[in-house]
């Protein structure tokens, strides 16, 4: 019996290890996109690269934010020549069958796998304190031997928590919109809480939703104040599901096992924070049956407002997190 149990444990452990880039702890991808199947604008006129049914699992490769303008051998001169035209290559769009305006697209981030390198920079004219930091700055990182930490200096190591900085659905316009700011469709949310295992909800504005993802970050603090995270290429496995006849949302929301979160964007912190508070009140009323007054009070007692990003001045993103463990009757 002991021998049988030992073999069973070994088989179980083996099935959860990496084998030809396949992991048993998440659904097997059915569709694959590479880092050349990209765009870097938001528009409902961009043709989808693939059409999939609701419930599909997709594996995508993403390029780092400069779209190969920078590398581990880059220096300040390369940064001075950086063009913003190809910034934010987004893998997609993915047409999700039966998605229609008014629906919600549920995106589950099953697996985020690090690439071998990354970079961070201060780009003159860009960043929260752009008027104070006017000189270019560039630091690169090698993750080929260690994908758990970034060696910032001899005595500073940063834990890596990879996540997509930009993801979203197409807006209801054929205009070519920049990917730089956050928007109602998602966009450049730069929220380091949206990591592997997170479920993100997007309002659908066009037929097929047209979902895209990219601008992957190896590590970033809330705010991304200097203008960049550790920008790095990655591989992401995600699942898309169309939710019909459910609760409507105006901007992206997300959840983990520990909390439910809403996002609000605006051109001031005040505007974004007020929107996030209102969206959380709506959630508590719709999903937990609270009165608006009780929901407002609960936001004050248990909700956590967080500044997700301020770098895209004047565009700000604020979130509110509500812990799930306070709802003991559910």
Protein backbone atom coordinates (compact mmCIF):
# COMPACT_ATOMS: atom_id res chain seq x y z
CA UNK A 1 0.00 0.00 0.00
CA UNK A 2 2.82 2.43 0.90
CA UNK A 3 4.48 1.71 -2.44
CA UNK A 4 1.23 2.39 -4.31
CA UNK A 5 0.69 5.66 -2.44
CA UNK A 6 4.27 6.74 -3.12
CA UNK A 7 3.83 6.08 -6.82
CA UNK A 8 0.53 7.98 -6.82
CA UNK A 9 2.14 11.00 -5.18
CA UNK A 10 5.02 10.96 -7.67
CA UNK A 11 2.62 10.73 -10.62
CA UNK A 12 0.57 13.62 -9.24
CA UNK A 13 3.64 15.79 -8.73
CA UNK A 14 4.93 14.96 -12.21
CA UNK A 15 1.62 15.91 -13.81
CA UNK A 16 1.93 19.42 -12.33
CA UNK A 17 5.43 20.06 -13.64
CA UNK A 18 6.37 21.77 -16.86
CA UNK A 19 6.47 19.49 -19.89
CA UNK A 20 6.87 21.00 -23.34
CA UNK A 21 5.24 24.22 -22.14
CA UNK A 22 2.08 22.35 -21.08
CA UNK A 23 0.75 22.62 -17.54
CA UNK A 24 -1.95 20.36 -16.17
CA UNK A 25 -3.16 22.88 -13.59
CA UNK A 26 -4.99 24.97 -16.20
CA UNK A 27 -7.18 24.07 -19.20
CA UNK A 28 -5.37 23.01 -22.35
CA UNK A 29 -5.21 25.87 -24.88
CA UNK A 30 -7.23 25.32 -28.03
CA UNK A 31 -6.03 28.36 -29.96
CA UNK A 32 -2.59 29.96 -30.28
CA UNK A 33 -1.49 33.46 -31.26
CA UNK A 34 2.09 34.66 -31.65
CA UNK A 35 3.70 38.03 -30.91
CA UNK A 36 3.49 39.04 -34.57
CA UNK A 37 -0.33 38.98 -34.56
CA UNK A 38 -0.62 42.41 -33.01
CA UNK A 39 -1.97 45.94 -33.29
CA UNK A 40 -1.42 49.02 -31.14
CA UNK A 41 -4.58 51.08 -31.40
CA UNK A 42 -8.17 50.69 -30.18
CA UNK A 43 -10.79 50.64 -32.92
CA UNK A 44 -13.73 48.50 -33.94
CA UNK A 45 -12.38 48.59 -37.51
CA UNK A 46 -9.34 46.40 -36.72
CA UNK A 47 -9.89 42.97 -38.23
CA UNK A 48 -9.79 40.06 -35.76
CA UNK A 49 -6.95 37.58 -36.15
CA UNK A 50 -9.08 34.67 -34.94
CA UNK A 51 -12.71 33.81 -34.15
CA UNK A 52 -13.45 31.56 -31.18
CA UNK A 53 -16.58 30.30 -29.37
CA UNK A 54 -17.38 31.36 -25.83
CA UNK A 55 -15.51 29.19 -23.35
CA UNK A 56 -12.36 28.95 -25.47
CA UNK A 57 -8.88 28.79 -23.96
CA UNK A 58 -6.25 30.77 -25.85
CA UNK A 59 -2.48 30.91 -25.53
CA UNK A 60 -0.88 34.14 -26.70
CA UNK A 61 2.68 35.40 -26.89
CA UNK A 62 3.17 39.09 -26.14
CA UNK A 63 6.02 41.40 -27.04
CA UNK A 64 7.48 43.91 -24.58
CA UNK A 65 6.12 47.47 -24.76
CA UNK A 66 8.75 48.88 -27.14
CA UNK A 67 7.95 46.21 -29.75
CA UNK A 68 11.59 45.13 -30.05
CA UNK A 69 13.03 48.64 -30.19
CA UNK A 70 14.95 47.85 -26.99
CA UNK A 71 16.94 44.78 -25.93
CA UNK A 72 19.32 43.67 -23.19
CA UNK A 73 22.16 45.35 -25.07
CA UNK A 74 20.38 48.71 -25.44
CA UNK A 75 21.81 51.93 -24.03
CA UNK A 76 20.76 55.53 -23.60
CA UNK A 77 21.19 56.29 -27.31
CA UNK A 78 18.63 53.59 -28.14
CA UNK A 79 16.25 55.15 -25.63
CA UNK A 80 16.72 58.58 -27.23
CA UNK A 81 15.70 57.04 -30.57
CA UNK A 82 12.62 55.32 -29.08
CA UNK A 83 9.50 55.88 -31.17
CA UNK A 84 6.09 55.88 -29.52
CA UNK A 85 4.40 54.85 -32.78
CA UNK A 86 4.73 51.06 -32.22
CA UNK A 87 4.38 51.25 -28.40
CA UNK A 88 2.02 48.70 -26.81
CA UNK A 89 1.81 45.88 -29.36
CA UNK A 90 -1.36 44.04 -28.35
CA UNK A 91 -1.87 40.42 -29.36
CA UNK A 92 -5.27 40.10 -31.03
CA UNK A 93 -8.01 41.08 -31.59
CA UNK A 94 -9.92 37.90 -30.77
CA UNK A 95 -13.51 37.74 -32.02
CA UNK A 96 -15.64 35.93 -29.44
CA UNK A 97 -18.67 34.41 -31.12
CA UNK A 98 -22.11 35.48 -29.88
CA UNK A 99 -20.73 38.46 -27.93
CA UNK A 100 -22.95 41.48 -28.45
CA UNK A 101 -23.07 45.07 -27.13
CA UNK A 102 -24.47 45.04 -23.61
CA UNK A 103 -22.96 41.65 -22.76
CA UNK A 104 -20.02 41.16 -20.42
CA UNK A 105 -16.85 39.38 -21.48
CA UNK A 106 -15.31 37.29 -18.69
CA UNK A 107 -11.57 36.76 -19.10
CA UNK A 108 -9.79 34.32 -16.78
CA UNK A 109 -6.01 34.64 -16.64
CA UNK A 110 -5.03 31.00 -16.17
CA UNK A 111 -1.26 31.24 -16.66
CA UNK A 112 1.31 34.01 -17.12
CA UNK A 113 4.78 32.82 -18.05
CA UNK A 114 7.78 35.15 -17.90
CA UNK A 115 10.16 35.81 -20.75
CA UNK A 116 13.94 35.95 -20.30
CA UNK A 117 14.50 39.70 -20.01
CA UNK A 118 12.96 43.06 -19.27
CA UNK A 119 13.64 46.79 -19.09
CA UNK A 120 12.53 49.91 -17.29
CA UNK A 121 13.16 53.50 -18.30
CA UNK A 122 12.58 57.16 -17.67
CA UNK A 123 11.62 58.65 -21.02
CA UNK A 124 11.97 62.46 -21.14
CA UNK A 125 8.55 64.11 -21.35
CA UNK A 126 6.72 61.07 -20.01
CA UNK A 127 5.87 60.09 -16.43
CA UNK A 128 4.12 61.49 -13.38
CA UNK A 129 7.04 63.84 -12.58
CA UNK A 130 8.10 64.45 -16.17
CA UNK A 131 8.92 68.10 -15.48
CA UNK A 132 11.38 67.10 -12.73
CA UNK A 133 13.11 64.12 -14.38
CA UNK A 134 14.26 65.32 -17.79
CA UNK A 135 17.24 63.05 -18.44
CA UNK A 136 16.86 59.62 -20.06
CA UNK A 137 17.42 56.54 -17.90
CA UNK A 138 17.44 52.87 -18.83
CA UNK A 139 17.94 49.66 -16.85
CA UNK A 140 17.68 46.14 -18.27
CA UNK A 141 17.21 42.83 -16.48
CA UNK A 142 18.20 39.25 -17.31
CA UNK A 143 15.66 36.63 -16.19
CA UNK A 144 17.18 33.67 -18.02
CA UNK A 145 18.39 32.10 -14.75
CA UNK A 146 15.91 33.53 -12.23
CA UNK A 147 12.29 34.32 -12.99
CA UNK A 148 11.35 35.05 -9.38
CA UNK A 149 13.24 38.29 -8.69
CA UNK A 150 14.74 41.26 -10.50
CA UNK A 151 18.18 42.38 -9.36
CA UNK A 152 17.73 46.15 -9.21
CA UNK A 153 21.11 46.70 -7.52
CA UNK A 154 23.60 44.81 -5.38
CA UNK A 155 21.36 45.19 -2.33
CA UNK A 156 17.88 45.53 -3.87
CA UNK A 157 15.90 42.58 -5.27
CA UNK A 158 12.33 43.05 -6.52
CA UNK A 159 9.87 40.11 -6.44
CA UNK A 160 8.41 39.43 -9.88
CA UNK A 161 4.61 39.46 -10.19
CA UNK A 162 3.89 39.34 -13.94
CA UNK A 163 0.67 40.79 -15.31
CA UNK A 164 -0.72 42.38 -18.50
CA UNK A 165 -0.63 46.17 -18.35
CA UNK A 166 -3.02 46.59 -21.28
CA UNK A 167 -6.03 44.49 -22.15
CA UNK A 168 -9.51 45.21 -23.30
CA UNK A 169 -12.24 45.00 -25.89
CA UNK A 170 -12.80 47.25 -28.89
CA UNK A 171 -14.58 50.56 -28.28
CA UNK A 172 -17.73 51.51 -30.17
CA UNK A 173 -15.85 53.67 -32.67
CA UNK A 174 -13.92 53.20 -35.88
CA UNK A 175 -11.57 56.01 -34.85
CA UNK A 176 -7.98 54.98 -34.12
CA UNK A 177 -7.54 55.57 -30.39
CA UNK A 178 -4.24 55.57 -28.51
CA UNK A 179 -3.54 52.67 -26.15
CA UNK A 180 -1.78 54.98 -23.67
CA UNK A 181 -4.69 55.92 -21.35
CA UNK A 182 -7.14 53.65 -19.51
CA UNK A 183 -10.64 53.67 -20.97
CA UNK A 184 -14.10 52.19 -20.43
CA UNK A 185 -13.08 49.30 -22.69
CA UNK A 186 -10.06 48.54 -20.49
CA UNK A 187 -6.92 49.79 -22.13
CA UNK A 188 -3.80 50.77 -20.23
CA UNK A 189 -5.03 49.91 -16.73
CA UNK A 190 -1.54 49.05 -15.45
CA UNK A 191 -3.02 47.42 -12.33
CA UNK A 192 -0.45 45.09 -10.73
CA UNK A 193 -3.23 43.26 -8.90
CA UNK A 194 -4.48 41.69 -12.15
CA UNK A 195 -2.13 38.72 -11.96
CA UNK A 196 -2.36 35.02 -12.79
CA UNK A 197 -5.62 33.55 -11.49
CA UNK A 198 -7.55 36.83 -11.68
CA UNK A 199 -10.92 36.95 -13.46
CA UNK A 200 -11.54 40.22 -15.32
CA UNK A 201 -14.91 41.45 -16.63
CA UNK A 202 -15.23 43.82 -19.58
CA UNK A 203 -18.35 45.57 -20.92
CA UNK A 204 -18.87 44.59 -24.55
CA UNK A 205 -19.30 47.49 -26.97
CA UNK A 206 -19.14 45.78 -30.39
CA UNK A 207 -20.11 42.48 -31.94
CA UNK A 208 -17.52 39.83 -31.11
CA UNK A 209 -16.03 41.96 -28.32
CA UNK A 210 -12.62 41.99 -30.13
CA UNK A 211 -10.39 41.27 -27.14
CA UNK A 212 -6.66 42.08 -27.11
CA UNK A 213 -3.90 41.82 -24.50
CA UNK A 214 -0.30 42.98 -24.11
CA UNK A 215 2.09 45.48 -22.47
CA UNK A 216 3.13 42.72 -20.10
CA UNK A 217 4.96 43.71 -16.93
CA UNK A 218 7.26 41.60 -14.77
CA UNK A 219 6.92 43.92 -11.76
CA UNK A 220 5.30 47.26 -11.02
CA UNK A 221 4.22 49.31 -8.05
CA UNK A 222 0.76 50.86 -7.80
CA UNK A 223 0.93 54.08 -9.79
CA UNK A 224 3.76 53.21 -12.24
CA UNK A 225 4.97 56.74 -11.49
CA UNK A 226 8.14 56.93 -13.64
CA UNK A 227 6.26 55.83 -16.75
CA UNK A 228 7.36 52.23 -17.07
CA UNK A 229 7.21 48.96 -15.18
CA UNK A 230 9.67 46.15 -15.86
CA UNK A 231 8.53 45.74 -19.45
CA UNK A 232 8.98 42.14 -20.59
CA UNK A 233 7.72 39.66 -23.21
CA UNK A 234 5.51 36.86 -21.90
CA UNK A 235 3.20 33.98 -22.69
CA UNK A 236 -0.38 34.10 -21.38
CA UNK A 237 -3.08 31.44 -21.29
CA UNK A 238 -6.54 32.93 -20.84
CA UNK A 239 -10.16 31.86 -21.22
CA UNK A 240 -13.00 33.94 -22.67
CA UNK A 241 -16.65 33.54 -21.78
CA UNK A 242 -19.64 35.63 -22.84
CA UNK A 243 -22.05 36.54 -20.02
CA UNK A 244 -25.55 37.40 -21.23
CA UNK A 245 -28.48 38.84 -19.29
CA UNK A 246 -26.29 39.47 -16.27
CA UNK A 247 -25.41 42.58 -14.31
CA UNK A 248 -24.30 45.38 -16.63
CA UNK A 249 -21.02 47.19 -15.98
CA UNK A 250 -19.70 50.47 -17.38
CA UNK A 251 -15.98 49.83 -16.92
CA UNK A 252 -13.83 46.76 -16.22
CA UNK A 253 -14.13 44.91 -12.94
CA UNK A 254 -12.20 41.93 -11.58
CA UNK A 255 -12.06 39.41 -8.78
CA UNK A 256 -9.84 36.92 -7.03
CA UNK A 257 -10.62 34.38 -4.32
CA UNK A 258 -10.00 37.10 -1.74
CA UNK A 259 -11.84 40.18 -3.05
CA UNK A 260 -14.06 41.75 -5.70
CA UNK A 261 -12.74 44.91 -7.38
CA UNK A 262 -14.07 47.71 -9.55
CA UNK A 263 -12.14 50.23 -11.63
CA UNK A 264 -12.82 53.86 -12.43
CA UNK A 265 -10.87 56.08 -14.80
CA UNK A 266 -10.88 59.86 -14.98
CA UNK A 267 -8.80 62.93 -15.66
CA UNK A 268 -8.37 63.55 -11.93
CA UNK A 269 -7.89 61.24 -8.96
CA UNK A 270 -11.10 62.64 -7.47
CA UNK A 271 -13.16 61.79 -10.55
CA UNK A 272 -11.71 58.28 -10.82
CA UNK A 273 -12.13 57.59 -7.08
CA UNK A 274 -15.76 58.74 -7.08
CA UNK A 275 -16.56 56.53 -10.06
CA UNK A 276 -14.92 53.52 -8.41
CA UNK A 277 -16.92 54.15 -5.23
CA UNK A 278 -20.19 54.39 -7.16
CA UNK A 279 -19.41 51.20 -9.10
CA UNK A 280 -18.75 49.32 -5.87
CA UNK A 281 -22.03 50.59 -4.43
CA UNK A 282 -23.79 49.32 -7.56
CA UNK A 283 -22.11 45.92 -7.15
CA UNK A 284 -23.09 45.62 -3.48
CA UNK A 285 -26.70 46.57 -4.22
CA UNK A 286 -27.03 44.22 -7.21
CA UNK A 287 -25.06 41.22 -5.93
CA UNK A 288 -25.55 41.37 -2.17
CA UNK A 289 -28.96 43.03 -1.88
CA UNK A 290 -27.80 46.01 0.20
CA UNK A 291 -29.56 49.36 0.20
CA UNK A 292 -27.50 52.13 -1.36
CA UNK A 293 -27.01 53.68 2.07
CA UNK A 294 -25.74 50.39 3.55
CA UNK A 295 -23.53 49.85 0.50
CA UNK A 296 -22.05 53.34 0.81
CA UNK A 297 -21.33 52.80 4.51
CA UNK A 298 -19.78 49.37 3.81
CA UNK A 299 -17.47 50.94 1.21
CA UNK A 300 -16.26 53.26 3.97
CA UNK A 301 -15.80 50.47 6.51
CA UNK A 302 -14.35 47.67 4.39
CA UNK A 303 -13.61 48.95 0.87
CA UNK A 304 -10.04 49.79 -0.10
CA UNK A 305 -9.47 52.56 -2.65
CA UNK A 306 -6.20 52.09 -4.51
CA UNK A 307 -4.46 54.25 -7.10
CA UNK A 308 -3.67 51.78 -9.87
CA UNK A 309 -1.94 54.22 -12.18
CA UNK A 310 -1.21 57.94 -12.53
CA UNK A 311 1.45 57.89 -15.23
CA UNK A 312 -0.80 58.66 -18.20
CA UNK A 313 -1.34 62.26 -17.11
CA UNK A 314 -4.05 63.49 -16.96
CA UNK A 315 -5.64 60.03 -17.12
CA UNK A 316 -5.87 58.20 -13.79
CA UNK A 317 -7.16 54.77 -12.76
CA UNK A 318 -8.49 54.09 -9.27
CA UNK A 319 -9.81 50.76 -8.00
CA UNK A 320 -11.79 49.70 -4.97
CA UNK A 321 -11.35 46.24 -3.44
CA UNK A 322 -14.03 44.63 -1.26
CA UNK A 323 -12.92 41.56 0.75
CA UNK A 324 -15.10 38.49 0.24
CA UNK A 325 -14.63 37.07 3.73
CA UNK A 326 -16.89 39.72 5.29
CA UNK A 327 -19.93 38.14 3.61
CA UNK A 328 -20.28 35.32 6.13
CA UNK A 329 -23.84 34.41 5.12
CA UNK A 330 -22.91 33.64 1.50
